[in-house]
Amino acid sequence: MRVASVLPSATEIVHALGHGAELVARSAECDYPAEVRQLPVVMRPRTLDSERPSSEIDERVRAARSRGESLYHLDADLLRSVRPDLLLTQNLCGVCSVTEEEVRDACARAGVHPRVVSLAPTNLEEVWDSLGTVAEALGDAPAGWRLAKSIRARTAPGPATGRNVTVVEWLDPPILAGLWTPDIVRAAGGDPVGPRSGEPGARCSWDDLVRATPDLVVVSPCSFSVARAAREIHESRELRAALARLRAPLGIYLADEAYFSRPGPRLADGVALVRAILAGASPTGPMPVEVLNRSGMAEVGP
């Protein structure tokens, strides 16, 4: 089967199911595992501004969405060339990727007719269910059952610690992570501060976060690497001052976005990360994690 994926989490799921060799095209954001970077890119963001300050990116995205503009471009000529039998996309967030409607329009322009499977999980159980959805589309339902069973065992809720945990998914303005992230925190034994399970991320102010008095803060900006996020914090006196005002007794950590933002297998690593920190263990994991000191600067490397 020839598979195109324009969703990073779906690309990761295909590989986790053992079907990576069937991928023929990806989005520019599909970068894991490393071998997918050799695939042709069928979808790119219209504006390459990832190095701009978070506030500028936020303003541009909000303006584009208010005008009903897509943030991404699908290459119809490349779609025609790779001739996918299956195309994996999403229908949850127009900021994160193209929508199912945009994919179907592009396929019509290209004159190709793949089966389009759209993923839209809003909580952790639905994320694990989506493993089976992709497996069935690949014609390998048993692989989905096995993978989901294994991950559910890894992420089964443990004892509650009574500690409040905040995950910040954007820097300026600060946005508290929602959807499946509250479930990640609960599975790790914490009490999430912010949106409820299934609700979208919530904009707030740093003053709001200070008043919430979280025991643990994890800063994990969506679509940013730890190095990219650390650089913006280093260059912004305002962000450093805001982070310095937080008196989280269990610390403030800067974590790779894949621990929380990509609804695929690596969310299990997010559960393990929060669980380890709540237990007093070192903040280590398969993706980068750094400790932020009181001045908002990175203290240690991954």
Protein backbone atom coordinates (compact mmCIF):
# COMPACT_ATOMS: atom_id res chain seq x y z
CA MET A 1 0.00 0.00 0.00
CA ARG A 2 1.17 3.52 -0.84
CA VAL A 3 0.60 5.85 2.10
CA ALA A 4 0.84 9.62 2.30
CA SER A 5 0.65 11.29 5.70
CA VAL A 6 0.24 15.02 6.26
CA LEU A 7 0.03 14.61 10.04
CA PRO A 8 3.19 14.03 12.13
CA SER A 9 1.40 11.87 14.69
CA ALA A 10 -0.09 9.69 11.94
CA THR A 11 3.36 9.25 10.40
CA GLU A 12 4.67 8.12 13.78
CA ILE A 13 1.75 5.72 14.19
CA VAL A 14 2.42 4.12 10.78
CA HIS A 15 6.03 3.48 11.81
CA ALA A 16 5.08 2.21 15.26
CA LEU A 17 2.77 -0.29 13.57
CA GLY A 18 5.65 -1.59 11.45
CA HIS A 19 4.45 -0.12 8.13
CA GLY A 20 6.95 2.69 7.65
CA ALA A 21 8.17 1.24 4.36
CA GLU A 22 4.75 1.95 2.84
CA LEU A 23 5.02 5.73 3.30
CA VAL A 24 5.54 7.61 0.03
CA ALA A 25 5.02 11.24 1.07
CA ARG A 26 4.85 13.40 4.20
CA SER A 27 4.28 16.92 5.48
CA ALA A 28 7.20 19.22 6.26
CA GLU A 29 6.45 18.73 9.97
CA CYS A 30 6.72 14.93 9.76
CA ASP A 31 10.24 14.49 11.12
CA TYR A 32 10.10 11.36 13.27
CA PRO A 33 11.51 8.80 13.04
CA ALA A 34 14.53 10.23 11.23
CA GLU A 35 14.14 8.10 8.11
CA VAL A 36 10.89 9.83 7.12
CA ARG A 37 12.88 13.00 6.39
CA GLN A 38 13.98 11.36 3.14
CA LEU A 39 10.39 11.25 1.85
CA PRO A 40 9.06 13.85 -0.59
CA VAL A 41 7.19 16.71 1.10
CA VAL A 42 3.61 17.02 -0.13
CA MET A 43 2.50 19.68 2.37
CA ARG A 44 4.31 22.78 3.60
CA PRO A 45 3.36 25.79 5.72
CA ARG A 46 2.58 28.84 3.60
CA THR A 47 4.69 31.10 5.81
CA LEU A 48 8.06 30.04 7.21
CA ASP A 49 8.13 32.15 10.37
CA SER A 50 8.98 29.60 13.05
CA GLU A 51 11.92 31.71 14.19
CA ARG A 52 9.79 34.76 14.82
CA PRO A 53 8.69 35.57 18.40
CA SER A 54 5.73 33.55 19.66
CA SER A 55 3.55 36.66 19.89
CA GLU A 56 4.08 37.45 16.19
CA ILE A 57 3.32 33.88 15.14
CA ASP A 58 0.17 33.92 17.25
CA GLU A 59 -1.02 37.18 15.68
CA ARG A 60 -0.39 35.94 12.14
CA VAL A 61 -2.16 32.64 12.74
CA ARG A 62 -5.18 34.30 14.33
CA ALA A 63 -5.44 36.80 11.49
CA ALA A 64 -5.20 34.12 8.82
CA ARG A 65 -7.80 31.92 10.50
CA SER A 66 -10.17 34.88 10.93
CA ARG A 67 -9.99 35.38 7.15
CA GLY A 68 -10.65 31.69 6.56
CA GLU A 69 -7.21 31.18 5.04
CA SER A 70 -5.35 27.89 5.16
CA LEU A 71 -1.95 27.96 6.81
CA TYR A 72 -0.64 25.18 4.55
CA HIS A 73 -0.10 24.36 0.90
CA LEU A 74 -0.72 20.93 -0.56
CA ASP A 75 1.30 20.06 -3.68
CA ALA A 76 -1.23 18.63 -6.14
CA ASP A 77 1.48 17.79 -8.70
CA LEU A 78 3.38 15.73 -6.14
CA LEU A 79 0.19 14.01 -5.04
CA ARG A 80 -0.37 13.02 -8.64
CA SER A 81 3.19 11.73 -8.84
CA VAL A 82 3.20 9.60 -5.66
CA ARG A 83 -0.34 8.20 -6.28
CA PRO A 84 -1.23 7.31 -2.68
CA ASP A 85 -3.73 4.57 -1.94
CA LEU A 86 -4.22 5.92 1.60
CA LEU A 87 -3.91 9.50 2.80
CA LEU A 88 -3.79 10.23 6.52
CA THR A 89 -4.89 13.63 7.77
CA GLN A 90 -6.81 15.26 10.62
CA ASN A 91 -9.96 17.27 11.14
CA LEU A 92 -9.33 18.71 14.58
CA CYS A 93 -7.17 21.81 14.22
CA GLY A 94 -6.67 24.05 11.20
CA VAL A 95 -3.54 25.46 12.84
CA CYS A 96 -1.79 22.09 13.19
CA SER A 97 -2.32 20.79 9.66
CA VAL A 98 -4.61 20.90 6.65
CA THR A 99 -8.17 19.79 7.26
CA GLU A 100 -9.88 16.81 5.64
CA GLU A 101 -11.78 19.14 3.32
CA GLU A 102 -8.53 20.72 2.09
CA VAL A 103 -7.05 17.27 1.49
CA ARG A 104 -10.05 16.12 -0.54
CA ASP A 105 -9.94 19.31 -2.62
CA ALA A 106 -6.23 18.81 -3.34
CA CYS A 107 -6.79 15.19 -4.34
CA ALA A 108 -9.56 16.26 -6.70
CA ARG A 109 -7.22 18.81 -8.33
CA ALA A 110 -4.54 16.14 -8.64
CA GLY A 111 -6.93 13.59 -10.10
CA VAL A 112 -6.10 10.98 -7.47
CA HIS A 113 -8.57 9.09 -5.33
CA PRO A 114 -6.93 7.66 -2.22
CA ARG A 115 -8.87 6.53 0.78
CA VAL A 116 -8.75 9.50 3.15
CA VAL A 117 -8.62 8.68 6.85
CA SER A 118 -9.02 11.64 9.17
CA LEU A 119 -7.97 11.49 12.82
CA ALA A 120 -9.46 13.82 15.43
CA PRO A 121 -8.80 12.52 18.96
CA THR A 122 -9.66 14.89 21.79
CA ASN A 123 -8.59 12.81 24.81
CA LEU A 124 -5.99 10.18 25.60
CA GLU A 125 -8.27 7.18 25.14
CA GLU A 126 -9.23 8.45 21.70
CA VAL A 127 -5.55 8.83 20.86
CA TRP A 128 -4.98 5.17 21.68
CA ASP A 129 -8.13 4.26 19.71
CA SER A 130 -6.65 6.05 16.70
CA LEU A 131 -3.80 3.51 16.64
CA GLY A 132 -6.42 0.92 15.74
CA THR A 133 -8.01 3.23 13.17
CA VAL A 134 -4.73 3.59 11.31
CA ALA A 135 -3.94 -0.12 11.63
CA GLU A 136 -7.31 -1.05 10.12
CA ALA A 137 -6.74 1.38 7.24
CA LEU A 138 -3.39 -0.32 6.63
CA GLY A 139 -5.09 -3.72 6.61
CA ASP A 140 -3.30 -4.80 9.79
CA ALA A 141 -5.83 -4.50 12.62
CA PRO A 142 -3.96 -6.95 14.93
CA ALA A 143 -0.93 -4.64 14.99
CA GLY A 144 -3.18 -1.84 16.22
CA TRP A 145 -4.64 -3.99 18.99
CA ARG A 146 -1.17 -5.04 20.16
CA LEU A 147 0.26 -1.53 20.14
CA ALA A 148 -2.75 0.00 21.91
CA LYS A 149 -2.70 -2.73 24.56
CA SER A 150 0.99 -2.18 25.23
CA ILE A 151 0.67 1.60 25.48
CA ARG A 152 -2.42 1.44 27.68
CA ALA A 153 -0.46 -0.76 30.06
CA ARG A 154 2.38 1.78 30.17
CA THR A 155 0.04 4.69 30.82
CA ALA A 156 -2.39 3.11 33.29
CA PRO A 157 -3.08 5.70 36.03
CA GLY A 158 -0.96 5.31 39.13
CA PRO A 159 -1.48 6.62 42.66
CA ALA A 160 -2.57 10.24 42.89
CA THR A 161 0.07 12.55 44.35
CA GLY A 162 -2.21 15.52 45.00
CA ARG A 163 0.31 17.79 43.22
CA ASN A 164 -0.94 20.40 40.75
CA VAL A 165 0.69 20.29 37.32
CA THR A 166 0.56 22.87 34.54
CA VAL A 167 1.66 22.20 30.97
CA VAL A 168 2.17 25.40 28.94
CA GLU A 169 1.83 24.77 25.19
CA TRP A 170 2.60 28.32 23.96
CA LEU A 171 4.85 31.05 25.33
CA ASP A 172 3.34 34.38 24.31
CA PRO A 173 0.53 34.55 25.12
CA PRO A 174 0.77 31.59 27.51
CA ILE A 175 -1.68 28.85 26.58
CA LEU A 176 -2.40 25.98 28.98
CA ALA A 177 -2.54 22.63 27.20
CA GLY A 178 -5.89 20.92 26.88
CA LEU A 179 -7.35 17.98 24.90
CA TRP A 180 -5.40 14.85 25.95
CA THR A 181 -2.82 16.66 28.13
CA PRO A 182 -4.99 16.72 31.30
CA ASP A 183 -5.29 12.93 30.88
CA ILE A 184 -1.49 12.66 30.64
CA VAL A 185 -1.13 14.56 33.90
CA ARG A 186 -3.75 12.42 35.67
CA ALA A 187 -2.22 9.18 34.39
CA ALA A 188 1.09 10.37 35.87
CA GLY A 189 -0.55 10.98 39.25
CA GLY A 190 -0.94 14.75 39.07
CA ASP A 191 -3.88 17.14 39.10
CA PRO A 192 -4.00 19.22 35.90
CA VAL A 193 -4.22 23.01 36.16
CA GLY A 194 -6.10 24.46 33.21
CA PRO A 195 -8.58 22.99 30.72
CA ARG A 196 -10.48 19.79 31.34
CA SER A 197 -9.91 16.65 29.31
CA GLY A 198 -11.17 17.12 25.75
CA GLU A 199 -11.26 20.91 25.95
CA PRO A 200 -8.97 23.02 23.75
CA GLY A 201 -6.00 24.88 25.17
CA ALA A 202 -6.83 27.91 27.30
CA ARG A 203 -5.23 31.31 26.88
CA CYS A 204 -4.23 32.94 30.12
CA SER A 205 -1.73 35.44 31.51
CA TRP A 206 1.40 34.76 33.50
CA ASP A 207 -0.37 36.48 36.40
CA ASP A 208 -3.12 33.84 36.15
CA LEU A 209 -0.54 31.10 36.28
CA VAL A 210 1.21 32.63 39.30
CA ARG A 211 -2.14 32.80 41.12
CA ALA A 212 -2.82 29.13 40.29
CA THR A 213 0.26 28.17 42.38
CA PRO A 214 1.14 24.98 40.47
CA ASP A 215 3.52 22.53 42.10
CA LEU A 216 5.06 21.64 38.75
CA VAL A 217 5.25 23.58 35.49
CA VAL A 218 6.24 21.99 32.18
CA VAL A 219 6.79 24.42 29.30
CA SER A 220 6.38 22.57 26.01
CA PRO A 221 5.48 24.93 23.15
CA CYS A 222 3.65 23.23 20.29
CA SER A 223 5.86 22.82 17.18
CA PHE A 224 8.99 24.09 18.98
CA SER A 225 12.10 22.12 19.82
CA VAL A 226 13.63 22.63 23.27
CA ALA A 227 16.48 24.58 21.67
CA ARG A 228 14.05 26.85 19.82
CA ALA A 229 11.95 27.51 22.94
CA ALA A 230 15.05 28.05 25.12
CA ARG A 231 16.38 30.58 22.63
CA GLU A 232 13.19 32.66 22.75
CA ILE A 233 13.16 32.58 26.55
CA HIS A 234 16.83 33.59 26.64
CA GLU A 235 16.18 36.54 24.31
CA SER A 236 13.04 37.81 26.08
CA ARG A 237 13.46 39.66 29.36
CA GLU A 238 9.67 39.56 29.81
CA LEU A 239 9.47 35.78 29.50
CA ARG A 240 12.41 35.27 31.86
CA ALA A 241 10.79 37.58 34.41
CA ALA A 242 7.44 35.79 34.11
CA LEU A 243 9.00 32.38 34.62
CA ALA A 244 11.06 33.66 37.54
CA ARG A 245 7.84 34.67 39.33
CA LEU A 246 6.58 31.10 39.35
CA ARG A 247 7.41 29.39 42.61
CA ALA A 248 6.67 25.82 41.59
CA PRO A 249 8.20 23.70 44.36
CA LEU A 250 8.76 20.73 42.04
CA GLY A 251 10.41 22.90 39.42
CA ILE A 252 9.92 24.34 35.96
CA TYR A 253 10.92 22.17 33.03
CA LEU A 254 11.32 22.81 29.32
CA ALA A 255 10.29 19.73 27.33
CA ASP A 256 10.16 18.73 23.68
CA GLU A 257 6.74 19.26 22.13
CA ALA A 258 6.42 15.58 21.20
CA TYR A 259 5.83 14.68 24.87
CA PHE A 260 2.46 16.47 24.75
CA SER A 261 1.47 17.94 21.38
CA ARG A 262 1.56 15.02 18.94
CA PRO A 263 -1.36 12.62 19.53
CA GLY A 264 0.52 9.42 18.86
CA PRO A 265 2.61 6.77 20.66
CA ARG A 266 5.09 9.24 22.18
CA LEU A 267 2.42 10.71 24.45
CA ALA A 268 3.21 7.67 26.59
CA ASP A 269 6.64 9.24 27.10
CA GLY A 270 4.86 12.36 28.33
CA VAL A 271 3.12 10.29 31.00
CA ALA A 272 6.45 8.74 31.99
CA LEU A 273 8.14 12.15 32.12
CA VAL A 274 5.56 13.76 34.42
CA ARG A 275 5.39 10.62 36.54
CA ALA A 276 9.17 10.63 37.02
CA ILE A 277 9.29 14.30 38.02
CA LEU A 278 6.44 13.88 40.49
CA ALA A 279 8.37 10.95 41.99
CA GLY A 280 11.48 13.09 42.41
CA ALA A 281 13.46 11.40 39.65
CA SER A 282 15.73 13.14 37.14
CA PRO A 283 13.91 14.74 34.19
CA THR A 284 15.18 12.43 31.48
CA GLY A 285 13.44 10.89 28.51
CA PRO A 286 13.87 9.90 24.87
CA MET A 287 13.30 13.52 23.78
CA PRO A 288 15.11 16.58 25.16
CA VAL A 289 14.19 17.97 28.58
CA GLU A 290 15.82 20.85 30.45
CA VAL A 291 15.39 22.37 33.90
CA LEU A 292 14.71 26.10 34.05
CA ASN A 293 16.18 27.96 37.01
CA ARG A 294 14.53 30.87 38.80
CA SER A 295 15.72 33.33 36.15
CA GLY A 296 14.07 31.29 33.39
CA MET A 297 17.37 30.06 31.98
CA ALA A 298 18.23 26.47 31.18
CA GLU A 299 20.23 24.78 33.93
CA VAL A 300 20.95 21.37 32.46
CA GLY A 301 20.87 19.71 29.07
CA PRO A 302 18.89 16.67 28.01
